[in-house]
PDB file of all heavy atoms in Angstrom:
ATOM      1  N   VAL A   1     -12.704  13.342  -3.490  1.00  0.00           N
ATOM      2  CA  VAL A   1     -11.290  13.385  -3.743  1.00  0.00           C
ATOM      3  C   VAL A   1     -10.552  12.636  -2.613  1.00  0.00           C
ATOM      4  O   VAL A   1      -9.630  11.854  -2.867  1.00  0.00           O
ATOM      5  CB  VAL A   1     -10.749  14.819  -3.866  1.00  0.00           C
ATOM      6  CG1 VAL A   1      -9.265  14.913  -3.868  1.00  0.00           C
ATOM      7  CG2 VAL A   1     -11.296  15.465  -5.129  1.00  0.00           C
ATOM      8  N   ASN A   2     -10.919  12.860  -1.373  1.00  0.00           N
ATOM      9  CA  ASN A   2     -10.281  12.131  -0.242  1.00  0.00           C
ATOM     10  C   ASN A   2     -10.451  10.636  -0.345  1.00  0.00           C
ATOM     11  O   ASN A   2      -9.559   9.897  -0.123  1.00  0.00           O
ATOM     12  CB  ASN A   2     -10.808  12.653   1.072  1.00  0.00           C
ATOM     13  CG  ASN A   2     -10.267  14.016   1.453  1.00  0.00           C
ATOM     14  OD1 ASN A   2      -9.221  14.430   0.919  1.00  0.00           O
ATOM     15  ND2 ASN A   2     -10.971  14.762   2.265  1.00  0.00           N
ATOM     16  N   GLU A   3     -11.670  10.209  -0.735  1.00  0.00           N
ATOM     17  CA  GLU A   3     -11.902   8.760  -0.901  1.00  0.00           C
ATOM     18  C   GLU A   3     -11.085   8.216  -2.027  1.00  0.00           C
ATOM     19  O   GLU A   3     -10.566   7.094  -1.962  1.00  0.00           O
ATOM     20  CB  GLU A   3     -13.417   8.496  -1.154  1.00  0.00           C
ATOM     21  CG  GLU A   3     -13.718   7.035  -1.303  1.00  0.00           C
ATOM     22  CD  GLU A   3     -13.386   6.162  -0.114  1.00  0.00           C
ATOM     23  OE1 GLU A   3     -13.397   6.659   1.011  1.00  0.00           O
ATOM     24  OE2 GLU A   3     -13.085   4.982  -0.323  1.00  0.00           O
ATOM     25  N   ALA A   4     -10.935   8.968  -3.093  1.00  0.00           N
ATOM     26  CA  ALA A   4     -10.107   8.539  -4.249  1.00  0.00           C
ATOM     27  C   ALA A   4      -8.665   8.329  -3.821  1.00  0.00           C
ATOM     28  O   ALA A   4      -8.044   7.302  -4.144  1.00  0.00           O
ATOM     29  CB  ALA A   4     -10.234   9.531  -5.391  1.00  0.00           C
ATOM     30  N   ILE A   5      -8.130   9.275  -3.108  1.00  0.00           N
ATOM     31  CA  ILE A   5      -6.722   9.180  -2.652  1.00  0.00           C
ATOM     32  C   ILE A   5      -6.583   7.984  -1.719  1.00  0.00           C
ATOM     33  O   ILE A   5      -5.626   7.229  -1.807  1.00  0.00           O
ATOM     34  CB  ILE A   5      -6.257  10.497  -1.979  1.00  0.00           C
ATOM     35  CG1 ILE A   5      -6.182  11.617  -3.009  1.00  0.00           C
ATOM     36  CG2 ILE A   5      -4.946  10.290  -1.270  1.00  0.00           C
ATOM     37  CD1 ILE A   5      -6.043  12.975  -2.419  1.00  0.00           C
ATOM     38  N   LYS A   6      -7.524   7.838  -0.808  1.00  0.00           N
ATOM     39  CA  LYS A   6      -7.493   6.711   0.124  1.00  0.00           C
ATOM     40  C   LYS A   6      -7.516   5.351  -0.595  1.00  0.00           C
ATOM     41  O   LYS A   6      -6.785   4.460  -0.260  1.00  0.00           O
ATOM     42  CB  LYS A   6      -8.691   6.829   1.117  1.00  0.00           C
ATOM     43  CG  LYS A   6      -8.761   5.749   2.132  1.00  0.00           C
ATOM     44  CD  LYS A   6      -9.949   5.994   3.055  1.00  0.00           C
ATOM     45  CE  LYS A   6     -10.179   4.841   3.978  1.00  0.00           C
ATOM     46  NZ  LYS A   6     -11.410   4.990   4.748  1.00  0.00           N
ATOM     47  N   ARG A   7      -8.359   5.271  -1.624  1.00  0.00           N
ATOM     48  CA  ARG A   7      -8.468   3.980  -2.375  1.00  0.00           C
ATOM     49  C   ARG A   7      -7.141   3.685  -3.026  1.00  0.00           C
ATOM     50  O   ARG A   7      -6.692   2.507  -3.006  1.00  0.00           O
ATOM     51  CB  ARG A   7      -9.566   4.096  -3.382  1.00  0.00           C
ATOM     52  CG  ARG A   7      -9.748   2.938  -4.312  1.00  0.00           C
ATOM     53  CD  ARG A   7     -10.752   1.907  -3.954  1.00  0.00           C
ATOM     54  NE  ARG A   7     -12.020   2.461  -3.600  1.00  0.00           N
ATOM     55  CZ  ARG A   7     -13.030   2.653  -4.482  1.00  0.00           C
ATOM     56  NH1 ARG A   7     -12.867   2.414  -5.732  1.00  0.00           N
ATOM     57  NH2 ARG A   7     -14.188   3.139  -4.054  1.00  0.00           N
ATOM     58  N   VAL A   8      -6.499   4.671  -3.632  1.00  0.00           N
ATOM     59  CA  VAL A   8      -5.202   4.425  -4.296  1.00  0.00           C
ATOM     60  C   VAL A   8      -4.167   3.954  -3.287  1.00  0.00           C
ATOM     61  O   VAL A   8      -3.470   2.983  -3.513  1.00  0.00           O
ATOM     62  CB  VAL A   8      -4.740   5.675  -5.051  1.00  0.00           C
ATOM     63  CG1 VAL A   8      -3.265   5.543  -5.570  1.00  0.00           C
ATOM     64  CG2 VAL A   8      -5.646   6.021  -6.227  1.00  0.00           C
ATOM     65  N   GLU A   9      -4.101   4.646  -2.141  1.00  0.00           N
ATOM     66  CA  GLU A   9      -3.108   4.317  -1.123  1.00  0.00           C
ATOM     67  C   GLU A   9      -3.345   2.915  -0.581  1.00  0.00           C
ATOM     68  O   GLU A   9      -2.370   2.112  -0.393  1.00  0.00           O
ATOM     69  CB  GLU A   9      -3.103   5.338  -0.015  1.00  0.00           C
ATOM     70  CG  GLU A   9      -2.508   6.684  -0.454  1.00  0.00           C
ATOM     71  CD  GLU A   9      -2.583   7.742   0.624  1.00  0.00           C
ATOM     72  OE1 GLU A   9      -3.307   7.614   1.604  1.00  0.00           O
ATOM     73  OE2 GLU A   9      -1.950   8.766   0.396  1.00  0.00           O
ATOM     74  N   GLU A  10      -4.593   2.563  -0.317  1.00  0.00           N
ATOM     75  CA  GLU A  10      -4.915   1.245   0.234  1.00  0.00           C
ATOM     76  C   GLU A  10      -4.579   0.128  -0.788  1.00  0.00           C
ATOM     77  O   GLU A  10      -4.050  -0.893  -0.430  1.00  0.00           O
ATOM     78  CB  GLU A  10      -6.381   1.153   0.606  1.00  0.00           C
ATOM     79  CG  GLU A  10      -6.723   1.913   1.867  1.00  0.00           C
ATOM     80  CD  GLU A  10      -8.193   1.926   2.218  1.00  0.00           C
ATOM     81  OE1 GLU A  10      -9.036   1.517   1.368  1.00  0.00           O
ATOM     82  OE2 GLU A  10      -8.539   2.414   3.305  1.00  0.00           O
ATOM     83  N   THR A  11      -4.906   0.387  -2.063  1.00  0.00           N
ATOM     84  CA  THR A  11      -4.627  -0.591  -3.097  1.00  0.00           C
ATOM     85  C   THR A  11      -3.112  -0.745  -3.241  1.00  0.00           C
ATOM     86  O   THR A  11      -2.643  -1.933  -3.277  1.00  0.00           O
ATOM     87  CB  THR A  11      -5.225  -0.155  -4.453  1.00  0.00           C
ATOM     88  OG1 THR A  11      -6.669  -0.064  -4.307  1.00  0.00           O
ATOM     89  CG2 THR A  11      -4.922  -1.204  -5.561  1.00  0.00           C
ATOM     90  N   ASN A  12      -2.374   0.299  -3.298  1.00  0.00           N
ATOM     91  CA  ASN A  12      -0.916   0.229  -3.379  1.00  0.00           C
ATOM     92  C   ASN A  12      -0.344  -0.505  -2.233  1.00  0.00           C
ATOM     93  O   ASN A  12       0.536  -1.406  -2.418  1.00  0.00           O
ATOM     94  CB  ASN A  12      -0.291   1.631  -3.479  1.00  0.00           C
ATOM     95  CG  ASN A  12      -0.553   2.313  -4.817  1.00  0.00           C
ATOM     96  OD1 ASN A  12      -1.090   1.726  -5.722  1.00  0.00           O
ATOM     97  ND2 ASN A  12      -0.152   3.573  -4.933  1.00  0.00           N
ATOM     98  N   SER A  13      -0.778  -0.235  -1.050  1.00  0.00           N
ATOM     99  CA  SER A  13      -0.260  -0.901   0.169  1.00  0.00           C
ATOM    100  C   SER A  13      -0.545  -2.393   0.134  1.00  0.00           C
ATOM    101  O   SER A  13       0.356  -3.211   0.385  1.00  0.00           O
ATOM    102  CB  SER A  13      -0.875  -0.268   1.401  1.00  0.00           C
ATOM    103  OG  SER A  13      -0.427  -0.911   2.557  1.00  0.00           O
ATOM    104  N   THR A  14      -1.779  -2.751  -0.221  1.00  0.00           N
ATOM    105  CA  THR A  14      -2.152  -4.183  -0.270  1.00  0.00           C
ATOM    106  C   THR A  14      -1.366  -4.910  -1.303  1.00  0.00           C
ATOM    107  O   THR A  14      -0.867  -6.014  -1.039  1.00  0.00           O
ATOM    108  CB  THR A  14      -3.674  -4.282  -0.595  1.00  0.00           C
ATOM    109  OG1 THR A  14      -4.403  -3.635   0.457  1.00  0.00           O
ATOM    110  CG2 THR A  14      -4.078  -5.764  -0.669  1.00  0.00           C
ATOM    111  N   GLU A  15      -1.182  -4.339  -2.482  1.00  0.00           N
ATOM    112  CA  GLU A  15      -0.452  -5.002  -3.539  1.00  0.00           C
ATOM    113  C   GLU A  15       1.034  -5.146  -3.203  1.00  0.00           C
ATOM    114  O   GLU A  15       1.629  -6.165  -3.506  1.00  0.00           O
ATOM    115  CB  GLU A  15      -0.616  -4.239  -4.870  1.00  0.00           C
ATOM    116  CG  GLU A  15      -2.027  -4.280  -5.438  1.00  0.00           C
ATOM    117  CD  GLU A  15      -2.450  -5.699  -5.838  1.00  0.00           C
ATOM    118  OE1 GLU A  15      -1.631  -6.446  -6.457  1.00  0.00           O
ATOM    119  OE2 GLU A  15      -3.596  -6.044  -5.579  1.00  0.00           O
ATOM    120  N   MET A  16       1.622  -4.171  -2.577  1.00  0.00           N
ATOM    121  CA  MET A  16       3.040  -4.233  -2.182  1.00  0.00           C
ATOM    122  C   MET A  16       3.253  -5.272  -1.081  1.00  0.00           C
ATOM    123  O   MET A  16       4.250  -5.972  -1.070  1.00  0.00           O
ATOM    124  CB  MET A  16       3.554  -2.903  -1.757  1.00  0.00           C
ATOM    125  CG  MET A  16       3.779  -1.943  -2.901  1.00  0.00           C
ATOM    126  SD  MET A  16       4.949  -2.614  -4.144  1.00  0.00           S
ATOM    127  CE  MET A  16       4.959  -1.287  -5.294  1.00  0.00           C
ATOM    128  N   GLU A  17       2.289  -5.375  -0.166  1.00  0.00           N
ATOM    129  CA  GLU A  17       2.376  -6.378   0.916  1.00  0.00           C
ATOM    130  C   GLU A  17       2.388  -7.795   0.348  1.00  0.00           C
ATOM    131  O   GLU A  17       2.972  -8.665   0.951  1.00  0.00           O
ATOM    132  CB  GLU A  17       1.279  -6.195   1.924  1.00  0.00           C
ATOM    133  CG  GLU A  17       1.522  -5.013   2.877  1.00  0.00           C
ATOM    134  CD  GLU A  17       0.400  -4.798   3.856  1.00  0.00           C
ATOM    135  OE1 GLU A  17      -0.534  -5.644   3.929  1.00  0.00           O
ATOM    136  OE2 GLU A  17       0.468  -3.776   4.599  1.00  0.00           O
ATOM    137  N   LYS A  18       1.733  -7.979  -0.786  1.00  0.00           N
ATOM    138  CA  LYS A  18       1.746  -9.295  -1.412  1.00  0.00           C
ATOM    139  C   LYS A  18       3.184  -9.700  -1.831  1.00  0.00           C
ATOM    140  O   LYS A  18       3.525 -10.868  -1.806  1.00  0.00           O
ATOM    141  CB  LYS A  18       0.823  -9.332  -2.631  1.00  0.00           C
ATOM    142  CG  LYS A  18      -0.640  -9.278  -2.302  1.00  0.00           C
ATOM    143  CD  LYS A  18      -1.485  -9.238  -3.556  1.00  0.00           C
ATOM    144  CE  LYS A  18      -2.944  -9.069  -3.271  1.00  0.00           C
ATOM    145  NZ  LYS A  18      -3.743  -8.978  -4.488  1.00  0.00           N
ATOM    146  N   ILE A  19       3.978  -8.704  -2.190  1.00  0.00           N
ATOM    147  CA  ILE A  19       5.354  -8.966  -2.606  1.00  0.00           C
ATOM    148  C   ILE A  19       6.286  -9.040  -1.390  1.00  0.00           C
ATOM    149  O   ILE A  19       7.081  -9.959  -1.296  1.00  0.00           O
ATOM    150  CB  ILE A  19       5.848  -7.874  -3.552  1.00  0.00           C
ATOM    151  CG1 ILE A  19       5.053  -7.897  -4.846  1.00  0.00           C
ATOM    152  CG2 ILE A  19       7.350  -8.005  -3.859  1.00  0.00           C
ATOM    153  CD1 ILE A  19       5.272  -6.705  -5.736  1.00  0.00           C
ATOM    154  N   THR A  20       6.114  -8.119  -0.429  1.00  0.00           N
ATOM    155  CA  THR A  20       7.076  -8.055   0.666  1.00  0.00           C
ATOM    156  C   THR A  20       6.678  -8.930   1.848  1.00  0.00           C
ATOM    157  O   THR A  20       7.470  -9.134   2.758  1.00  0.00           O
ATOM    158  CB  THR A  20       7.194  -6.611   1.202  1.00  0.00           C
ATOM    159  OG1 THR A  20       5.938  -6.207   1.698  1.00  0.00           O
ATOM    160  CG2 THR A  20       7.670  -5.679   0.076  1.00  0.00           C
ATOM    161  N   GLY A  21       5.423  -9.399   1.830  1.00  0.00           N
ATOM    162  CA  GLY A  21       4.968 -10.166   3.012  1.00  0.00           C
ATOM    163  C   GLY A  21       4.909  -9.358   4.255  1.00  0.00           C
ATOM    164  O   GLY A  21       5.232  -9.805   5.319  1.00  0.00           O
ATOM    165  N   SER A  22       4.575  -8.072   4.132  1.00  0.00           N
ATOM    166  CA  SER A  22       4.452  -7.097   5.236  1.00  0.00           C
ATOM    167  C   SER A  22       5.786  -6.755   5.863  1.00  0.00           C
ATOM    168  O   SER A  22       5.869  -6.139   6.906  1.00  0.00           O
ATOM    169  CB  SER A  22       3.502  -7.660   6.357  1.00  0.00           C
ATOM    170  OG  SER A  22       2.279  -7.907   5.850  1.00  0.00           O
ATOM    171  N   MET A  23       6.893  -7.162   5.170  1.00  0.00           N
ATOM    172  CA  MET A  23       8.196  -6.837   5.718  1.00  0.00           C
ATOM    173  C   MET A  23       8.464  -5.350   5.475  1.00  0.00           C
ATOM    174  O   MET A  23       8.216  -4.804   4.393  1.00  0.00           O
ATOM    175  CB  MET A  23       9.263  -7.681   4.972  1.00  0.00           C
ATOM    176  CG  MET A  23      10.667  -7.379   5.342  1.00  0.00           C
ATOM    177  SD  MET A  23      11.873  -8.437   4.530  1.00  0.00           S
ATOM    178  CE  MET A  23      11.152  -9.021   3.092  1.00  0.00           C
ATOM    179  N   SER A  24       8.969  -4.673   6.454  1.00  0.00           N
ATOM    180  CA  SER A  24       9.287  -3.246   6.350  1.00  0.00           C
ATOM    181  C   SER A  24      10.763  -3.039   6.499  1.00  0.00           C
ATOM    182  O   SER A  24      11.373  -3.352   7.525  1.00  0.00           O
ATOM    183  CB  SER A  24       8.537  -2.461   7.389  1.00  0.00           C
ATOM    184  OG  SER A  24       8.880  -1.112   7.319  1.00  0.00           O
ATOM    185  N   MET A  25      11.409  -2.550   5.460  1.00  0.00           N
ATOM    186  CA  MET A  25      12.832  -2.241   5.505  1.00  0.00           C
ATOM    187  C   MET A  25      13.024  -0.809   4.952  1.00  0.00           C
ATOM    188  O   MET A  25      13.398  -0.689   3.771  1.00  0.00           O
ATOM    189  CB  MET A  25      13.622  -3.227   4.706  1.00  0.00           C
ATOM    190  CG  MET A  25      13.611  -4.608   5.282  1.00  0.00           C
ATOM    191  SD  MET A  25      14.671  -5.644   4.251  1.00  0.00           S
ATOM    192  CE  MET A  25      14.421  -7.232   4.986  1.00  0.00           C
ATOM    193  N   PRO A  26      12.811   0.172   5.747  1.00  0.00           N
ATOM    194  CA  PRO A  26      12.934   1.551   5.251  1.00  0.00           C
ATOM    195  C   PRO A  26      14.354   1.806   4.661  1.00  0.00           C
ATOM    196  O   PRO A  26      15.324   1.381   5.241  1.00  0.00           O
ATOM    197  CB  PRO A  26      12.714   2.412   6.513  1.00  0.00           C
ATOM    198  CG  PRO A  26      11.998   1.544   7.450  1.00  0.00           C
ATOM    199  CD  PRO A  26      12.416   0.138   7.150  1.00  0.00           C
ATOM    200  N   GLY A  27      14.364   2.412   3.518  1.00  0.00           N
ATOM    201  CA  GLY A  27      15.635   2.738   2.885  1.00  0.00           C
ATOM    202  C   GLY A  27      16.139   1.668   1.977  1.00  0.00           C
ATOM    203  O   GLY A  27      16.956   1.907   1.114  1.00  0.00           O
TER     204      GLY A  27
END
């Protein structure tokens, strides 16, 4: 279960970084 959650989070993060270019703008 922990590995499953980790995989989802890593995939989501990687895919979003493709759009934002690692830019972080909280809010």
